[in-house]
Amino acid sequence: MVHCPECKTALETIDDIEFVEMDARTGFIRSSKRFYTTTCAECSATIGSGVAGAKPNGGAA
């Protein structure tokens, strides 16, 4: 069984973790990538992350 490394809560169902989208703008060309972190729903410790690719329109408003 998988446990949170911080609070030791068992991560058994999808409700035990949260996926959080974070923005990061980089470079001199206006672009924005989607970064995701996976956090423990109990203590909010980050337990994973990833990149999902560029947002349309370079993240412009």
N, C-alpha and C. Protein backbone atom coordinates (compact mmCIF):
# COMPACT_ATOMS: atom_id res chain seq x y z
N MET A 1 0.83 -1.17 0.00
CA MET A 1 0.00 0.00 0.00
C MET A 1 0.89 1.25 0.00
N VAL A 2 0.43 2.30 -0.67
CA VAL A 2 1.19 3.54 -0.78
C VAL A 2 0.75 4.49 0.34
N HIS A 3 1.74 5.18 0.92
CA HIS A 3 1.48 6.13 1.99
C HIS A 3 2.13 7.47 1.67
N CYS A 4 1.55 8.55 2.18
CA CYS A 4 2.16 9.87 2.06
C CYS A 4 3.46 9.86 2.86
N PRO A 5 4.56 10.35 2.27
CA PRO A 5 5.83 10.35 2.99
C PRO A 5 5.86 11.32 4.18
N GLU A 6 4.96 12.29 4.20
CA GLU A 6 4.95 13.28 5.28
C GLU A 6 4.08 12.86 6.46
N CYS A 7 2.79 12.57 6.18
CA CYS A 7 1.85 12.29 7.27
C CYS A 7 1.51 10.81 7.43
N LYS A 8 2.01 9.98 6.51
CA LYS A 8 1.81 8.52 6.54
C LYS A 8 0.37 8.08 6.27
N THR A 9 -0.48 8.97 5.77
CA THR A 9 -1.85 8.61 5.40
C THR A 9 -1.82 7.63 4.23
N ALA A 10 -2.66 6.60 4.28
CA ALA A 10 -2.75 5.66 3.17
C ALA A 10 -3.41 6.33 1.97
N LEU A 11 -2.79 6.20 0.81
CA LEU A 11 -3.32 6.76 -0.43
C LEU A 11 -3.98 5.63 -1.21
N GLU A 12 -5.25 5.39 -0.92
CA GLU A 12 -5.97 4.24 -1.46
C GLU A 12 -6.94 4.59 -2.59
N THR A 13 -7.49 5.80 -2.57
CA THR A 13 -8.46 6.20 -3.59
C THR A 13 -8.06 7.53 -4.21
N ILE A 14 -8.72 7.91 -5.29
CA ILE A 14 -8.44 9.17 -5.96
C ILE A 14 -8.73 10.36 -5.04
N ASP A 15 -9.62 10.19 -4.08
CA ASP A 15 -9.95 11.26 -3.14
C ASP A 15 -8.84 11.53 -2.13
N ASP A 16 -7.85 10.64 -2.06
CA ASP A 16 -6.74 10.81 -1.12
C ASP A 16 -5.65 11.73 -1.66
N ILE A 17 -5.75 12.10 -2.95
CA ILE A 17 -4.77 13.02 -3.54
C ILE A 17 -5.50 14.14 -4.29
N GLU A 18 -4.80 15.24 -4.51
CA GLU A 18 -5.35 16.36 -5.27
C GLU A 18 -4.38 16.70 -6.39
N PHE A 19 -4.92 17.06 -7.55
CA PHE A 19 -4.11 17.52 -8.67
C PHE A 19 -4.26 19.03 -8.75
N VAL A 20 -3.14 19.75 -8.74
CA VAL A 20 -3.14 21.21 -8.74
C VAL A 20 -2.41 21.69 -9.99
N GLU A 21 -3.10 22.56 -10.79
CA GLU A 21 -2.47 23.13 -11.98
C GLU A 21 -1.74 24.41 -11.58
N MET A 22 -0.49 24.53 -12.03
CA MET A 22 0.32 25.70 -11.73
C MET A 22 0.82 26.28 -13.04
N ASP A 23 0.89 27.60 -13.16
CA ASP A 23 1.37 28.26 -14.37
C ASP A 23 2.81 28.70 -14.21
N ALA A 24 3.54 28.69 -15.31
CA ALA A 24 4.91 29.22 -15.33
C ALA A 24 5.14 29.81 -16.71
N ARG A 25 5.48 31.06 -16.77
CA ARG A 25 5.79 31.72 -18.04
C ARG A 25 7.29 31.85 -18.14
N THR A 26 7.81 31.45 -19.27
CA THR A 26 9.26 31.43 -19.44
C THR A 26 9.66 32.03 -20.77
N GLY A 27 10.94 32.45 -20.86
CA GLY A 27 11.51 32.89 -22.12
C GLY A 27 11.06 34.26 -22.57
N PHE A 28 11.64 34.71 -23.71
CA PHE A 28 11.30 36.02 -24.26
C PHE A 28 10.11 35.93 -25.22
N ILE A 29 9.75 34.74 -25.65
CA ILE A 29 8.55 34.54 -26.46
C ILE A 29 7.43 34.21 -25.48
N ARG A 30 6.30 34.87 -25.64
CA ARG A 30 5.21 34.66 -24.70
C ARG A 30 4.68 33.23 -24.82
N SER A 31 4.93 32.44 -23.82
CA SER A 31 4.44 31.07 -23.80
C SER A 31 4.15 30.68 -22.37
N SER A 32 3.32 29.72 -22.23
CA SER A 32 2.96 29.25 -20.90
C SER A 32 2.79 27.74 -20.95
N LYS A 33 3.34 27.07 -19.98
CA LYS A 33 3.21 25.63 -19.89
C LYS A 33 2.32 25.28 -18.72
N ARG A 34 1.71 24.13 -18.80
CA ARG A 34 0.89 23.63 -17.70
C ARG A 34 1.74 22.69 -16.86
N PHE A 35 1.91 23.06 -15.63
CA PHE A 35 2.60 22.22 -14.67
C PHE A 35 1.57 21.71 -13.67
N TYR A 36 1.67 20.45 -13.35
CA TYR A 36 0.75 19.86 -12.38
C TYR A 36 1.54 19.30 -11.21
N THR A 37 0.98 19.45 -10.02
CA THR A 37 1.54 18.77 -8.87
C THR A 37 0.46 17.87 -8.29
N THR A 38 0.89 16.81 -7.69
CA THR A 38 0.00 15.90 -6.98
C THR A 38 0.30 16.06 -5.50
N THR A 39 -0.74 16.37 -4.73
CA THR A 39 -0.54 16.59 -3.31
C THR A 39 -1.41 15.66 -2.49
N CYS A 40 -0.97 15.41 -1.27
CA CYS A 40 -1.75 14.61 -0.32
C CYS A 40 -2.96 15.44 0.11
N ALA A 41 -4.15 14.87 0.05
CA ALA A 41 -5.37 15.59 0.43
C ALA A 41 -5.41 15.85 1.94
N GLU A 42 -4.69 15.07 2.71
CA GLU A 42 -4.70 15.22 4.16
C GLU A 42 -3.79 16.34 4.65
N CYS A 43 -2.54 16.39 4.15
CA CYS A 43 -1.57 17.35 4.68
C CYS A 43 -1.02 18.32 3.63
N SER A 44 -1.42 18.17 2.37
CA SER A 44 -1.01 19.03 1.25
C SER A 44 0.47 18.90 0.87
N ALA A 45 1.13 17.86 1.30
CA ALA A 45 2.52 17.63 0.89
C ALA A 45 2.55 17.27 -0.59
N THR A 46 3.50 17.83 -1.34
CA THR A 46 3.65 17.50 -2.76
C THR A 46 4.28 16.12 -2.87
N ILE A 47 3.62 15.23 -3.61
CA ILE A 47 4.13 13.87 -3.74
C ILE A 47 4.43 13.51 -5.20
N GLY A 48 4.22 14.45 -6.13
CA GLY A 48 4.54 14.20 -7.52
C GLY A 48 4.29 15.44 -8.35
N SER A 49 4.81 15.46 -9.59
CA SER A 49 4.60 16.60 -10.48
C SER A 49 4.78 16.18 -11.92
N GLY A 50 4.38 17.06 -12.83
CA GLY A 50 4.54 16.79 -14.25
C GLY A 50 4.23 18.01 -15.09
N VAL A 51 4.52 17.92 -16.39
CA VAL A 51 4.26 18.98 -17.35
C VAL A 51 3.30 18.44 -18.39
N ALA A 52 2.25 19.21 -18.69
CA ALA A 52 1.24 18.74 -19.64
C ALA A 52 1.31 19.44 -20.98
N GLY A 53 2.23 20.37 -21.19
CA GLY A 53 2.37 21.03 -22.48
C GLY A 53 1.97 22.48 -22.44
N ALA A 54 2.01 23.10 -23.61
CA ALA A 54 1.75 24.54 -23.72
C ALA A 54 0.26 24.83 -23.72
N LYS A 55 -0.09 25.99 -23.18
CA LYS A 55 -1.46 26.47 -23.23
C LYS A 55 -1.68 27.20 -24.56
N PRO A 56 -2.89 27.19 -25.08
CA PRO A 56 -3.16 27.93 -26.31
C PRO A 56 -2.98 29.43 -26.10
N ASN A 57 -2.58 30.14 -27.15
CA ASN A 57 -2.40 31.59 -27.15
C ASN A 57 -1.28 32.02 -26.21
N GLY A 58 -0.38 31.12 -25.90
CA GLY A 58 0.77 31.47 -25.05
C GLY A 58 0.39 31.93 -23.67
N GLY A 59 -0.82 31.61 -23.21
CA GLY A 59 -1.26 32.03 -21.91
C GLY A 59 -1.68 33.48 -21.84
N ALA A 60 -1.80 34.14 -23.01
CA ALA A 60 -2.18 35.56 -23.03
C ALA A 60 -3.63 35.72 -22.60
N ALA A 61 -3.91 36.85 -21.99
CA ALA A 61 -5.27 37.12 -21.51
C ALA A 61 -6.19 37.50 -22.66
